[in-house]
Structures are given as C-alpha cells and as structure tokens.
Amino acid sequence: MAYATQNDMTARFGSGELIELTDRAGVGVIDAAVLAGALDDASAEIDSYLAGRYAVPLAQAPRFLAGLCCDIARYRLCGSDTRLTEAINERYRNAIRFLEKVASGAVSIGPVTGGAVPAADNPVIFNSGGKAFARGRGAL
C-alpha cells in the first residue's frame, strides 16, 4: 500500500513534470503504472525506516508521510537523469534524514492507530546459574 497517490504527486509537482518523469512510451500522458511503481517503492523505503518502531505498512499513516513518499518517488523517477536537480536531491535527503530520526527514536510520527509494534508474546527471561565465585566455594 503506497502512502501517496497519483493525485498527491500531481498536486505537488504538476502533471507536466509527471509526464516527463513517467512517459516512457512518449505518448504525452502520465504512465500510471510507472508512477504507481515509484510510489510503492518509495513506500517500501519508508517502511524500512519505520519497521523498528511501528507495525508496517501503517494502516492509517499520518498525512505528512504522503509528502515524504512523493519526494522519494520523484527522486527515484529522476534516477541519474539530467532532470535530477539540486532541489529534488535536497528534498530526498531531507526526507531520509527525517526517517533516520524516526528510526533512531529521536522523533515520532505521532500516534498511529494499530501501528505500534506489538509486545512480544514470548518475553525474554534470564535465569542465573548461580554465582561462579562465592565464599566457601572454590574455583570451578
């Protein structure tokens, strides 16, 4: 499940840029399949950062994740092409920096319904084998 849609991308970057980034056949329209693939890949990248703290994919993602998803998808669609501008690169780097902070626990994406990592069903229990060195007990 992608965290952003074609409409989100169009609202942020315009249909002209999306045609330029996705129209591999040269027919002058947005290739919905190419765009959907980029949004899915961007969402998977986001999930890779969130997975340590949240159950992914998030059922109800905070709205701002759509912006991060769009920035990552746009960067990926540019590839190493001449269309990759410093602004696009910077937006991608900012998205990744934010996700790294989420992964480290420095920031939170806020309350997520059903998105908290569930507690383990089998808690870890440590049992000591006793003291190795104690009064009246010789070396082992």
N, C-alpha and C. Protein backbone atom coordinates (compact mmCIF):
# COMPACT_ATOMS: atom_id res chain seq x y z
N MET A 1 0.84 -1.17 0.00
CA MET A 1 0.00 0.00 0.00
C MET A 1 0.89 1.24 0.00
N ALA A 2 0.71 2.10 -0.98
CA ALA A 2 1.51 3.32 -1.07
C ALA A 2 0.96 4.38 -0.12
N TYR A 3 1.87 5.18 0.41
CA TYR A 3 1.49 6.26 1.33
C TYR A 3 1.07 7.52 0.58
N ALA A 4 1.19 7.54 -0.73
CA ALA A 4 0.77 8.67 -1.55
C ALA A 4 0.12 8.15 -2.82
N THR A 5 -0.63 9.02 -3.48
CA THR A 5 -1.34 8.65 -4.69
C THR A 5 -0.88 9.50 -5.87
N GLN A 6 -1.37 9.16 -7.04
CA GLN A 6 -1.08 9.95 -8.23
C GLN A 6 -1.58 11.38 -8.03
N ASN A 7 -2.73 11.53 -7.40
CA ASN A 7 -3.26 12.87 -7.13
C ASN A 7 -2.34 13.67 -6.21
N ASP A 8 -1.76 13.01 -5.21
CA ASP A 8 -0.79 13.69 -4.33
C ASP A 8 0.40 14.19 -5.13
N MET A 9 0.92 13.34 -6.00
CA MET A 9 2.07 13.71 -6.82
C MET A 9 1.71 14.86 -7.76
N THR A 10 0.55 14.79 -8.38
CA THR A 10 0.13 15.84 -9.31
C THR A 10 -0.05 17.17 -8.58
N ALA A 11 -0.63 17.13 -7.40
CA ALA A 11 -0.82 18.36 -6.63
C ALA A 11 0.51 19.00 -6.25
N ARG A 12 1.51 18.17 -5.97
CA ARG A 12 2.81 18.70 -5.54
C ARG A 12 3.69 19.16 -6.70
N PHE A 13 3.70 18.40 -7.77
CA PHE A 13 4.69 18.63 -8.82
C PHE A 13 4.11 18.97 -10.19
N GLY A 14 2.81 18.84 -10.35
CA GLY A 14 2.18 19.17 -11.62
C GLY A 14 2.21 18.03 -12.61
N SER A 15 1.21 18.00 -13.48
CA SER A 15 1.12 16.90 -14.44
C SER A 15 2.23 16.96 -15.48
N GLY A 16 2.68 18.16 -15.82
CA GLY A 16 3.77 18.28 -16.81
C GLY A 16 5.03 17.56 -16.37
N GLU A 17 5.42 17.77 -15.12
CA GLU A 17 6.62 17.10 -14.62
C GLU A 17 6.41 15.60 -14.53
N LEU A 18 5.20 15.18 -14.12
CA LEU A 18 4.94 13.75 -14.00
C LEU A 18 4.94 13.07 -15.37
N ILE A 19 4.45 13.76 -16.38
CA ILE A 19 4.52 13.19 -17.74
C ILE A 19 5.98 13.02 -18.12
N GLU A 20 6.77 14.06 -17.86
CA GLU A 20 8.20 14.00 -18.19
C GLU A 20 8.91 12.84 -17.47
N LEU A 21 8.52 12.59 -16.22
CA LEU A 21 9.19 11.56 -15.43
C LEU A 21 8.70 10.14 -15.71
N THR A 22 7.44 10.00 -16.18
CA THR A 22 6.87 8.65 -16.29
C THR A 22 6.58 8.19 -17.71
N ASP A 23 6.46 9.11 -18.65
CA ASP A 23 6.03 8.76 -20.01
C ASP A 23 7.17 8.13 -20.80
N ARG A 24 7.37 6.85 -20.61
CA ARG A 24 8.46 6.13 -21.28
C ARG A 24 8.12 5.83 -22.74
N ALA A 25 6.82 5.80 -23.06
CA ALA A 25 6.40 5.48 -24.42
C ALA A 25 6.31 6.74 -25.29
N GLY A 26 6.39 7.91 -24.68
CA GLY A 26 6.35 9.15 -25.44
C GLY A 26 4.98 9.50 -25.99
N VAL A 27 3.92 9.13 -25.27
CA VAL A 27 2.57 9.41 -25.74
C VAL A 27 1.98 10.68 -25.13
N GLY A 28 2.70 11.32 -24.23
CA GLY A 28 2.25 12.60 -23.69
C GLY A 28 1.27 12.53 -22.53
N VAL A 29 1.23 11.40 -21.84
CA VAL A 29 0.36 11.28 -20.66
C VAL A 29 1.17 10.64 -19.52
N ILE A 30 0.67 10.82 -18.31
CA ILE A 30 1.29 10.20 -17.14
C ILE A 30 1.10 8.69 -17.26
N ASP A 31 2.17 7.94 -17.13
CA ASP A 31 2.07 6.48 -17.12
C ASP A 31 1.76 6.07 -15.69
N ALA A 32 0.49 5.74 -15.45
CA ALA A 32 0.02 5.43 -14.10
C ALA A 32 0.76 4.24 -13.50
N ALA A 33 1.10 3.25 -14.31
CA ALA A 33 1.80 2.07 -13.80
C ALA A 33 3.21 2.42 -13.33
N VAL A 34 3.92 3.24 -14.10
CA VAL A 34 5.27 3.65 -13.72
C VAL A 34 5.21 4.46 -12.43
N LEU A 35 4.25 5.39 -12.36
CA LEU A 35 4.11 6.23 -11.17
C LEU A 35 3.72 5.40 -9.95
N ALA A 36 2.79 4.47 -10.13
CA ALA A 36 2.38 3.61 -9.01
C ALA A 36 3.56 2.77 -8.51
N GLY A 37 4.38 2.29 -9.43
CA GLY A 37 5.56 1.52 -9.03
C GLY A 37 6.53 2.36 -8.22
N ALA A 38 6.73 3.62 -8.64
CA ALA A 38 7.63 4.51 -7.90
C ALA A 38 7.08 4.83 -6.51
N LEU A 39 5.76 5.03 -6.42
CA LEU A 39 5.15 5.30 -5.11
C LEU A 39 5.22 4.07 -4.21
N ASP A 40 5.03 2.88 -4.78
CA ASP A 40 5.16 1.65 -3.99
C ASP A 40 6.60 1.48 -3.49
N ASP A 41 7.57 1.74 -4.37
CA ASP A 41 8.98 1.63 -3.97
C ASP A 41 9.32 2.64 -2.88
N ALA A 42 8.82 3.86 -3.02
CA ALA A 42 9.06 4.89 -2.00
C ALA A 42 8.42 4.50 -0.67
N SER A 43 7.24 3.93 -0.72
CA SER A 43 6.56 3.49 0.50
C SER A 43 7.33 2.36 1.17
N ALA A 44 7.88 1.45 0.38
CA ALA A 44 8.69 0.37 0.93
C ALA A 44 9.95 0.93 1.58
N GLU A 45 10.52 1.96 0.99
CA GLU A 45 11.69 2.60 1.59
C GLU A 45 11.32 3.25 2.92
N ILE A 46 10.17 3.90 2.96
CA ILE A 46 9.70 4.48 4.22
C ILE A 46 9.50 3.39 5.26
N ASP A 47 8.85 2.30 4.86
CA ASP A 47 8.61 1.18 5.78
C ASP A 47 9.91 0.63 6.35
N SER A 48 10.97 0.64 5.57
CA SER A 48 12.24 0.09 6.06
C SER A 48 12.77 0.91 7.24
N TYR A 49 12.46 2.18 7.29
CA TYR A 49 12.87 3.02 8.42
C TYR A 49 11.89 2.91 9.59
N LEU A 50 10.61 2.75 9.29
CA LEU A 50 9.60 2.71 10.35
C LEU A 50 9.48 1.34 11.01
N ALA A 51 9.95 0.31 10.37
CA ALA A 51 9.71 -1.07 10.83
C ALA A 51 10.22 -1.35 12.23
N GLY A 52 11.27 -0.68 12.66
CA GLY A 52 11.79 -0.92 14.01
C GLY A 52 10.91 -0.35 15.11
N ARG A 53 10.01 0.56 14.78
CA ARG A 53 9.20 1.23 15.79
C ARG A 53 7.70 1.07 15.58
N TYR A 54 7.29 0.69 14.39
CA TYR A 54 5.86 0.59 14.06
C TYR A 54 5.61 -0.67 13.25
N ALA A 55 4.39 -1.19 13.36
CA ALA A 55 3.98 -2.30 12.51
C ALA A 55 3.68 -1.73 11.13
N VAL A 56 4.40 -2.19 10.15
CA VAL A 56 4.25 -1.66 8.80
C VAL A 56 3.67 -2.71 7.87
N PRO A 57 2.96 -2.31 6.83
CA PRO A 57 2.65 -0.93 6.47
C PRO A 57 1.62 -0.35 7.43
N LEU A 58 1.70 0.95 7.62
CA LEU A 58 0.78 1.63 8.53
C LEU A 58 -0.62 1.61 7.93
N ALA A 59 -1.60 1.20 8.74
CA ALA A 59 -2.98 1.15 8.25
C ALA A 59 -3.51 2.56 8.01
N GLN A 60 -3.24 3.47 8.93
CA GLN A 60 -3.65 4.87 8.80
C GLN A 60 -2.41 5.73 9.02
N ALA A 61 -1.75 6.05 7.94
CA ALA A 61 -0.50 6.80 8.02
C ALA A 61 -0.78 8.28 8.25
N PRO A 62 0.07 8.94 9.03
CA PRO A 62 -0.06 10.39 9.17
C PRO A 62 0.05 11.06 7.80
N ARG A 63 -0.70 12.10 7.60
CA ARG A 63 -0.78 12.75 6.28
C ARG A 63 0.57 13.22 5.76
N PHE A 64 1.46 13.66 6.64
CA PHE A 64 2.74 14.19 6.17
C PHE A 64 3.62 13.12 5.51
N LEU A 65 3.33 11.84 5.76
CA LEU A 65 4.10 10.78 5.09
C LEU A 65 3.87 10.79 3.58
N ALA A 66 2.71 11.29 3.16
CA ALA A 66 2.45 11.39 1.71
C ALA A 66 3.47 12.31 1.06
N GLY A 67 3.81 13.40 1.73
CA GLY A 67 4.80 14.32 1.19
C GLY A 67 6.17 13.67 1.08
N LEU A 68 6.55 12.94 2.13
CA LEU A 68 7.84 12.24 2.09
C LEU A 68 7.84 11.20 0.97
N CYS A 69 6.73 10.50 0.84
CA CYS A 69 6.61 9.47 -0.19
C CYS A 69 6.74 10.11 -1.58
N CYS A 70 6.10 11.25 -1.78
CA CYS A 70 6.19 11.94 -3.08
C CYS A 70 7.61 12.38 -3.37
N ASP A 71 8.29 12.93 -2.37
CA ASP A 71 9.66 13.39 -2.58
C ASP A 71 10.60 12.24 -2.92
N ILE A 72 10.41 11.11 -2.25
CA ILE A 72 11.25 9.94 -2.51
C ILE A 72 10.94 9.37 -3.90
N ALA A 73 9.65 9.26 -4.24
CA ALA A 73 9.27 8.73 -5.55
C ALA A 73 9.79 9.63 -6.67
N ARG A 74 9.68 10.93 -6.50
CA ARG A 74 10.18 11.88 -7.51
C ARG A 74 11.68 11.70 -7.73
N TYR A 75 12.41 11.58 -6.63
CA TYR A 75 13.86 11.38 -6.71
C TYR A 75 14.17 10.09 -7.46
N ARG A 76 13.46 9.02 -7.11
CA ARG A 76 13.70 7.73 -7.76
C ARG A 76 13.34 7.77 -9.24
N LEU A 77 12.29 8.48 -9.60
CA LEU A 77 11.91 8.58 -11.01
C LEU A 77 12.95 9.33 -11.82
N CYS A 78 13.64 10.27 -11.19
CA CYS A 78 14.69 11.03 -11.90
C CYS A 78 15.90 10.17 -12.17
N GLY A 79 16.19 9.23 -11.28
CA GLY A 79 17.37 8.40 -11.44
C GLY A 79 18.61 9.27 -11.54
N SER A 80 19.51 8.93 -12.42
CA SER A 80 20.72 9.73 -12.61
C SER A 80 20.56 10.66 -13.80
N ASP A 81 19.33 10.86 -14.20
CA ASP A 81 18.99 11.69 -15.35
C ASP A 81 19.34 13.16 -15.10
N THR A 82 19.40 13.91 -16.16
CA THR A 82 19.67 15.34 -16.05
C THR A 82 18.53 16.08 -15.36
N ARG A 83 17.38 15.42 -15.21
CA ARG A 83 16.24 16.04 -14.52
C ARG A 83 16.45 16.12 -13.02
N LEU A 84 17.45 15.41 -12.50
CA LEU A 84 17.72 15.41 -11.06
C LEU A 84 18.40 16.72 -10.70
N THR A 85 17.62 17.62 -10.14
CA THR A 85 18.14 18.93 -9.76
C THR A 85 18.60 18.89 -8.31
N GLU A 86 19.30 19.93 -7.91
CA GLU A 86 19.73 20.04 -6.51
C GLU A 86 18.52 20.12 -5.57
N ALA A 87 17.46 20.78 -6.01
CA ALA A 87 16.25 20.89 -5.18
C ALA A 87 15.61 19.52 -4.96
N ILE A 88 15.52 18.72 -6.00
CA ILE A 88 14.94 17.38 -5.87
C ILE A 88 15.82 16.53 -4.96
N ASN A 89 17.12 16.62 -5.16
CA ASN A 89 18.06 15.86 -4.34
C ASN A 89 17.97 16.28 -2.87
N GLU A 90 17.85 17.57 -2.62
CA GLU A 90 17.77 18.08 -1.24
C GLU A 90 16.48 17.62 -0.56
N ARG A 91 15.37 17.64 -1.29
CA ARG A 91 14.10 17.18 -0.71
C ARG A 91 14.19 15.70 -0.34
N TYR A 92 14.84 14.92 -1.20
CA TYR A 92 15.04 13.50 -0.90
C TYR A 92 15.91 13.33 0.35
N ARG A 93 17.02 14.04 0.40
CA ARG A 93 17.91 13.94 1.56
C ARG A 93 17.20 14.35 2.85
N ASN A 94 16.38 15.39 2.79
CA ASN A 94 15.62 15.81 3.97
C ASN A 94 14.63 14.74 4.41
N ALA A 95 13.98 14.09 3.47
CA ALA A 95 13.04 13.01 3.80
C ALA A 95 13.78 11.86 4.48
N ILE A 96 14.94 11.50 3.95
CA ILE A 96 15.71 10.39 4.53
C ILE A 96 16.24 10.77 5.91
N ARG A 97 16.70 12.00 6.07
CA ARG A 97 17.17 12.44 7.40
C ARG A 97 16.05 12.34 8.43
N PHE A 98 14.85 12.76 8.04
CA PHE A 98 13.72 12.66 8.96
C PHE A 98 13.44 11.21 9.31
N LEU A 99 13.41 10.33 8.30
CA LEU A 99 13.14 8.91 8.55
C LEU A 99 14.22 8.28 9.42
N GLU A 100 15.46 8.70 9.26
CA GLU A 100 16.54 8.20 10.12
C GLU A 100 16.30 8.61 11.57
N LYS A 101 15.80 9.82 11.78
CA LYS A 101 15.49 10.27 13.14
C LYS A 101 14.35 9.47 13.74
N VAL A 102 13.36 9.13 12.91
CA VAL A 102 12.27 8.28 13.39
C VAL A 102 12.82 6.91 13.77
N ALA A 103 13.66 6.35 12.92
CA ALA A 103 14.23 5.03 13.18
C ALA A 103 15.06 5.01 14.46
N SER A 104 15.76 6.11 14.75
CA SER A 104 16.60 6.16 15.95
C SER A 104 15.79 6.48 17.20
N GLY A 105 14.54 6.91 17.03
CA GLY A 105 13.71 7.26 18.18
C GLY A 105 13.83 8.72 18.57
N ALA A 106 14.59 9.51 17.81
CA ALA A 106 14.75 10.93 18.14
C ALA A 106 13.46 11.71 17.90
N VAL A 107 12.67 11.29 16.92
CA VAL A 107 11.37 11.89 16.66
C VAL A 107 10.34 10.79 16.45
N SER A 108 9.09 11.17 16.59
CA SER A 108 8.00 10.22 16.42
C SER A 108 7.10 10.69 15.29
N ILE A 109 6.44 9.77 14.65
CA ILE A 109 5.48 10.17 13.63
C ILE A 109 4.11 10.42 14.27
N GLY A 110 4.06 10.35 15.59
CA GLY A 110 2.82 10.61 16.30
C GLY A 110 2.04 9.33 16.53
N PRO A 111 0.86 9.49 17.12
CA PRO A 111 0.05 8.29 17.38
C PRO A 111 -0.43 7.68 16.07
N VAL A 112 -0.28 6.39 15.98
CA VAL A 112 -0.69 5.67 14.78
C VAL A 112 -1.63 4.56 15.22
N THR A 113 -2.87 4.61 14.73
CA THR A 113 -3.85 3.60 15.08
C THR A 113 -3.41 2.24 14.58
N GLY A 114 -3.24 1.31 15.48
CA GLY A 114 -2.86 -0.04 15.10
C GLY A 114 -1.46 -0.13 14.54
N GLY A 115 -0.65 0.90 14.74
CA GLY A 115 0.66 0.90 14.14
C GLY A 115 1.80 0.68 15.10
N ALA A 116 1.52 0.51 16.38
CA ALA A 116 2.61 0.28 17.32
C ALA A 116 3.11 -1.14 17.19
N VAL A 117 4.38 -1.31 17.36
CA VAL A 117 4.94 -2.65 17.29
C VAL A 117 4.40 -3.43 18.49
N PRO A 118 3.75 -4.55 18.25
CA PRO A 118 3.16 -5.30 19.36
C PRO A 118 4.21 -5.87 20.29
N ALA A 119 3.84 -5.99 21.56
CA ALA A 119 4.74 -6.59 22.54
C ALA A 119 4.95 -8.05 22.17
N ALA A 120 6.10 -8.54 22.51
CA ALA A 120 6.43 -9.93 22.19
C ALA A 120 5.54 -10.87 22.98
N ASP A 121 5.09 -11.94 22.32
CA ASP A 121 4.27 -12.94 23.00
C ASP A 121 5.12 -13.79 23.93
N ASN A 122 6.40 -13.89 23.63
CA ASN A 122 7.31 -14.69 24.43
C ASN A 122 8.39 -13.79 25.01
N PRO A 123 8.15 -13.23 26.19
CA PRO A 123 9.16 -12.33 26.75
C PRO A 123 10.45 -13.09 27.07
N VAL A 124 11.55 -12.39 27.03
CA VAL A 124 12.84 -12.98 27.34
C VAL A 124 13.00 -13.01 28.85
N ILE A 125 13.36 -14.16 29.39
CA ILE A 125 13.57 -14.33 30.83
C ILE A 125 14.97 -14.88 31.02
N PHE A 126 15.74 -14.22 31.88
CA PHE A 126 17.09 -14.67 32.16
C PHE A 126 17.11 -15.37 33.51
N ASN A 127 17.73 -16.52 33.55
CA ASN A 127 17.92 -17.24 34.80
C ASN A 127 19.40 -17.38 35.05
N SER A 128 19.80 -17.02 36.23
CA SER A 128 21.21 -17.11 36.59
C SER A 128 21.51 -18.54 37.02
N GLY A 129 22.67 -18.99 36.69
CA GLY A 129 23.10 -20.31 37.11
C GLY A 129 23.74 -20.28 38.49
N GLY A 130 23.65 -19.19 39.17
CA GLY A 130 24.26 -19.03 40.49
C GLY A 130 25.57 -18.28 40.35
N LYS A 131 26.18 -18.01 41.48
CA LYS A 131 27.44 -17.27 41.48
C LYS A 131 28.59 -18.21 41.15
N ALA A 132 29.48 -17.74 40.34
CA ALA A 132 30.65 -18.54 39.98
C ALA A 132 31.69 -18.49 41.10
N PHE A 133 31.78 -17.36 41.77
CA PHE A 133 32.73 -17.21 42.85
C PHE A 133 31.97 -16.71 44.09
N ALA A 134 32.01 -17.48 45.14
CA ALA A 134 31.33 -17.08 46.37
C ALA A 134 32.14 -17.60 47.56
N ARG A 135 31.91 -17.05 48.77
CA ARG A 135 32.62 -17.52 49.96
C ARG A 135 32.35 -19.00 50.17
N GLY A 136 33.38 -19.67 50.51
CA GLY A 136 33.24 -21.08 50.80
C GLY A 136 33.08 -21.95 49.56
N ARG A 137 33.18 -21.33 48.44
CA ARG A 137 33.03 -22.10 47.20
C ARG A 137 34.34 -21.97 46.43
N GLY A 138 34.95 -23.02 46.11
CA GLY A 138 36.22 -22.99 45.43
C GLY A 138 36.06 -22.62 43.96
N ALA A 139 37.15 -22.52 43.33
CA ALA A 139 37.12 -22.21 41.89
C ALA A 139 36.44 -23.35 41.15
N LEU A 140 35.82 -23.04 40.10
CA LEU A 140 35.09 -24.05 39.33
C LEU A 140 35.99 -24.87 38.49
